[in-house]
Amino acid sequence: MNKVVSLVNEWDKFEQQHANGDVADFCRYFLAQNARREDMVGGKLPPTDGSLLMKIMGRLTHIYRVYFEAAMAELNVPLPETFYFLNELRFLEEVKKTELINAMLIEYTTGMDAINKLIKEGYIQSRQHDTDKRATLISLTEKGRNKLQECYKQMSMVTEMVFKSMHPEAIKLCISLLGDAEVYQAKIVHEVKGKPFKEMYEHIIQS
């Protein structure tokens, strides 16, 4: 096939999937489409593209975890997830414990244990709710804010390590392609959390 015709066909495929994409987006897409698959996931390729994508994401997550836990260990925090709790609370400012737990998409008991440890260490403070005497509000302490700044420095290095082999434009493409999925899933996961898997599947597929 003529190279120009082949390129036009690739552009047509891209435009059907990404109507608002520009030339720069297409170039990133084209390079990603032609990546060497035989080198991915140790050469053990699953049967579908969706499965391959999940396997790549899973392996990168495990690799990231190795670097992340080592980075947090240097900061002497009570638990590796300290960064996630402090960072989320920074944006929420002052909320109920359950609101922080829900925002982080974790189990109630796991979240409560972690929050109580961070309160004990002085990174988070709590006070009684003004109108609901049964509830307490939590927020970052000055110590917590300072520790979060230390975490940011470490996390910047972790990110640099994980994506060392990726071109900055390729990273932008990943953000562009996966952004919609993250926004959608972040909303719908609260609707299905706690339901049996089959109900989860039917709710999401039919929505």
Protein backbone atom coordinates (compact mmCIF):
# COMPACT_ATOMS: atom_id res chain seq x y z
CA MET A 1 0.00 0.00 0.00
CA ASN A 2 1.19 3.50 -0.84
CA LYS A 3 2.71 5.12 2.28
CA VAL A 4 0.61 8.26 1.87
CA VAL A 5 -2.59 6.21 1.57
CA SER A 6 -1.56 4.20 4.63
CA LEU A 7 -0.98 7.40 6.59
CA VAL A 8 -4.35 8.82 5.52
CA ASN A 9 -6.05 5.62 6.65
CA GLU A 10 -4.35 5.90 10.03
CA TRP A 11 -5.51 9.51 10.32
CA ASP A 12 -9.08 8.42 9.52
CA LYS A 13 -8.98 5.79 12.30
CA PHE A 14 -7.61 8.36 14.72
CA GLU A 15 -10.20 10.99 13.80
CA GLN A 16 -13.08 8.53 14.30
CA GLN A 17 -11.90 7.85 17.86
CA HIS A 18 -10.71 11.37 18.73
CA ALA A 19 -12.76 13.93 16.84
CA ASN A 20 -11.14 16.88 18.64
CA GLY A 21 -7.56 15.64 18.21
CA ASP A 22 -5.01 17.75 16.37
CA VAL A 23 -1.90 16.85 14.35
CA ALA A 24 0.29 16.65 17.44
CA ASP A 25 -2.18 14.25 19.05
CA PHE A 26 -2.18 12.12 15.91
CA CYS A 27 1.60 11.91 15.85
CA ARG A 28 1.65 10.69 19.44
CA TYR A 29 -1.14 8.22 18.65
CA PHE A 30 0.67 6.90 15.57
CA LEU A 31 3.90 6.31 17.46
CA ALA A 32 2.04 4.51 20.24
CA GLN A 33 0.20 2.30 17.72
CA ASN A 34 3.49 1.17 16.26
CA ALA A 35 5.23 0.33 19.53
CA ARG A 36 6.91 -3.10 19.66
CA ARG A 37 4.39 -5.33 21.40
CA GLU A 38 6.71 -8.31 21.66
CA ASP A 39 8.75 -6.43 24.28
CA MET A 40 5.72 -5.63 26.45
CA VAL A 41 4.80 -7.46 29.69
CA GLY A 42 7.67 -9.89 29.37
CA GLY A 43 6.45 -11.08 25.99
CA LYS A 44 3.41 -12.76 27.56
CA LEU A 45 0.66 -10.99 25.64
CA PRO A 46 -3.00 -11.46 26.68
CA PRO A 47 -5.64 -12.07 23.96
CA THR A 48 -7.24 -8.60 23.75
CA ASP A 49 -6.03 -5.00 23.65
CA GLY A 50 -8.05 -4.18 26.76
CA SER A 51 -6.41 -7.04 28.64
CA LEU A 52 -2.98 -5.95 27.45
CA LEU A 53 -3.61 -2.39 28.59
CA MET A 54 -4.72 -3.60 32.03
CA LYS A 55 -1.68 -5.86 32.30
CA ILE A 56 0.66 -2.98 31.42
CA MET A 57 -1.05 -0.72 33.96
CA GLY A 58 -0.92 -3.45 36.59
CA ARG A 59 2.77 -4.17 36.10
CA LEU A 60 3.63 -0.47 36.12
CA THR A 61 1.61 -0.10 39.34
CA HIS A 62 3.61 -2.91 40.98
CA ILE A 63 6.88 -1.37 39.80
CA TYR A 64 5.76 2.05 41.01
CA ARG A 65 4.94 0.51 44.40
CA VAL A 66 8.52 -0.72 44.81
CA TYR A 67 9.87 2.80 44.25
CA PHE A 68 7.09 4.47 46.24
CA GLU A 69 7.54 2.38 49.38
CA ALA A 70 11.30 2.94 49.31
CA ALA A 71 10.76 6.70 48.93
CA MET A 72 8.28 6.87 51.82
CA ALA A 73 10.54 4.74 54.07
CA GLU A 74 13.14 7.51 53.93
CA LEU A 75 10.62 9.96 55.41
CA ASN A 76 9.86 7.85 58.51
CA VAL A 77 6.10 8.16 58.04
CA PRO A 78 3.76 5.85 60.03
CA LEU A 79 2.49 4.16 56.84
CA PRO A 80 3.43 4.42 53.13
CA GLU A 81 -0.04 5.75 52.29
CA THR A 82 0.62 8.79 54.47
CA PHE A 83 1.24 10.78 51.29
CA TYR A 84 -2.16 9.93 49.81
CA PHE A 85 -4.06 10.82 52.97
CA LEU A 86 -2.24 14.12 53.52
CA ASN A 87 -2.47 15.10 49.86
CA GLU A 88 -6.20 14.37 49.61
CA LEU A 89 -6.88 16.20 52.86
CA ARG A 90 -4.96 19.21 51.60
CA PHE A 91 -7.54 19.66 48.84
CA LEU A 92 -10.57 18.79 50.99
CA GLU A 93 -9.30 21.14 53.76
CA GLU A 94 -11.64 20.24 56.66
CA VAL A 95 -14.01 17.28 56.40
CA LYS A 96 -15.49 14.35 58.25
CA LYS A 97 -13.34 11.24 58.40
CA THR A 98 -15.83 9.35 56.24
CA GLU A 99 -15.61 12.02 53.51
CA LEU A 100 -11.85 11.56 53.29
CA ILE A 101 -12.23 7.78 53.21
CA ASN A 102 -14.85 7.95 50.44
CA ALA A 103 -12.73 10.34 48.39
CA MET A 104 -9.85 7.88 48.55
CA LEU A 105 -12.01 4.92 47.48
CA ILE A 106 -10.81 2.69 50.34
CA GLU A 107 -12.53 0.50 52.93
CA TYR A 108 -13.90 2.19 56.05
CA THR A 109 -11.85 0.24 58.63
CA THR A 110 -8.63 0.66 56.64
CA GLY A 111 -9.21 4.39 56.35
CA MET A 112 -10.11 4.87 60.00
CA ASP A 113 -7.01 3.00 61.18
CA ALA A 114 -4.80 5.13 58.95
CA ILE A 115 -6.43 8.42 59.98
CA ASN A 116 -6.09 7.57 63.67
CA LYS A 117 -2.39 6.80 63.19
CA LEU A 118 -1.86 10.12 61.44
CA ILE A 119 -3.70 11.95 64.22
CA LYS A 120 -1.51 10.23 66.80
CA GLU A 121 1.62 11.27 64.87
CA GLY A 122 0.42 14.88 64.76
CA TYR A 123 -0.03 15.13 60.99
CA ILE A 124 -3.82 15.47 61.22
CA GLN A 125 -5.91 17.27 63.83
CA SER A 126 -9.56 16.75 64.74
CA ARG A 127 -12.28 18.83 66.35
CA GLN A 128 -15.93 18.38 67.16
CA HIS A 129 -18.38 19.35 64.43
CA ASP A 130 -20.13 22.68 65.12
CA THR A 131 -23.66 21.34 64.61
CA ASP A 132 -23.35 17.55 64.64
CA LYS A 133 -21.94 16.69 68.06
CA ARG A 134 -21.55 13.03 67.05
CA ALA A 135 -19.12 13.87 64.25
CA THR A 136 -15.58 15.21 64.17
CA LEU A 137 -13.85 17.23 61.48
CA ILE A 138 -10.25 16.61 60.47
CA SER A 139 -7.67 18.81 58.78
CA LEU A 140 -3.92 19.04 58.27
CA THR A 141 -1.66 20.35 61.01
CA GLU A 142 1.38 22.47 60.28
CA LYS A 143 3.46 19.35 60.85
CA GLY A 144 1.31 17.54 58.32
CA ARG A 145 1.76 20.28 55.73
CA ASN A 146 5.52 20.23 56.19
CA LYS A 147 5.64 16.45 55.85
CA LEU A 148 3.51 16.66 52.71
CA GLN A 149 6.08 18.98 51.13
CA GLU A 150 8.74 16.38 51.84
CA CYS A 151 6.50 13.74 50.24
CA TYR A 152 6.08 15.87 47.11
CA LYS A 153 9.85 15.94 46.59
CA GLN A 154 10.08 12.17 46.91
CA MET A 155 7.06 11.57 44.69
CA SER A 156 8.54 13.76 41.97
CA MET A 157 11.57 11.47 41.92
CA VAL A 158 9.37 8.34 41.88
CA THR A 159 7.43 9.66 38.89
CA GLU A 160 10.66 10.49 37.10
CA MET A 161 11.88 6.92 37.67
CA VAL A 162 8.70 5.23 36.45
CA PHE A 163 8.45 7.24 33.22
CA LYS A 164 12.19 7.51 32.53
CA SER A 165 11.86 5.75 29.16
CA MET A 166 8.84 7.72 27.95
CA HIS A 167 8.94 10.84 25.80
CA PRO A 168 7.06 13.77 27.40
CA GLU A 169 4.70 13.86 24.40
CA ALA A 170 3.86 10.18 24.93
CA ILE A 171 2.97 10.93 28.54
CA LYS A 172 0.66 13.70 27.35
CA LEU A 173 -0.99 11.26 24.96
CA CYS A 174 -1.62 8.78 27.78
CA ILE A 175 -3.21 11.53 29.85
CA SER A 176 -5.39 12.52 26.91
CA LEU A 177 -6.51 8.96 26.19
CA LEU A 178 -7.08 7.79 29.77
CA GLY A 179 -8.47 11.01 31.22
CA ASP A 180 -12.08 10.34 30.22
CA ALA A 181 -11.96 6.80 31.62
CA GLU A 182 -10.70 8.07 34.98
CA VAL A 183 -13.39 10.75 35.24
CA TYR A 184 -16.15 8.28 34.34
CA GLN A 185 -14.95 5.52 36.66
CA ALA A 186 -14.39 7.91 39.59
CA LYS A 187 -18.08 8.84 39.40
CA ILE A 188 -19.62 5.44 38.80
CA VAL A 189 -17.53 3.44 41.28
CA HIS A 190 -19.47 5.01 44.17
CA GLU A 191 -22.72 3.77 42.62
CA VAL A 192 -21.59 0.14 42.46
CA LYS A 193 -19.26 -0.13 45.45
CA GLY A 194 -20.40 -2.95 47.74
CA LYS A 195 -22.60 -4.63 45.13
CA PRO A 196 -21.98 -8.20 43.89
CA PHE A 197 -19.68 -8.28 40.86
CA LYS A 198 -22.43 -9.28 38.40
CA GLU A 199 -24.53 -6.30 39.46
CA MET A 200 -21.48 -4.06 39.12
CA TYR A 201 -20.87 -5.33 35.60
CA GLU A 202 -24.48 -4.94 34.46
CA HIS A 203 -24.79 -1.44 35.96
CA ILE A 204 -21.61 -0.17 34.31
CA ILE A 205 -22.10 -1.84 30.91
CA GLN A 206 -25.73 -0.69 30.66
CA SER A 207 -25.08 2.88 31.82
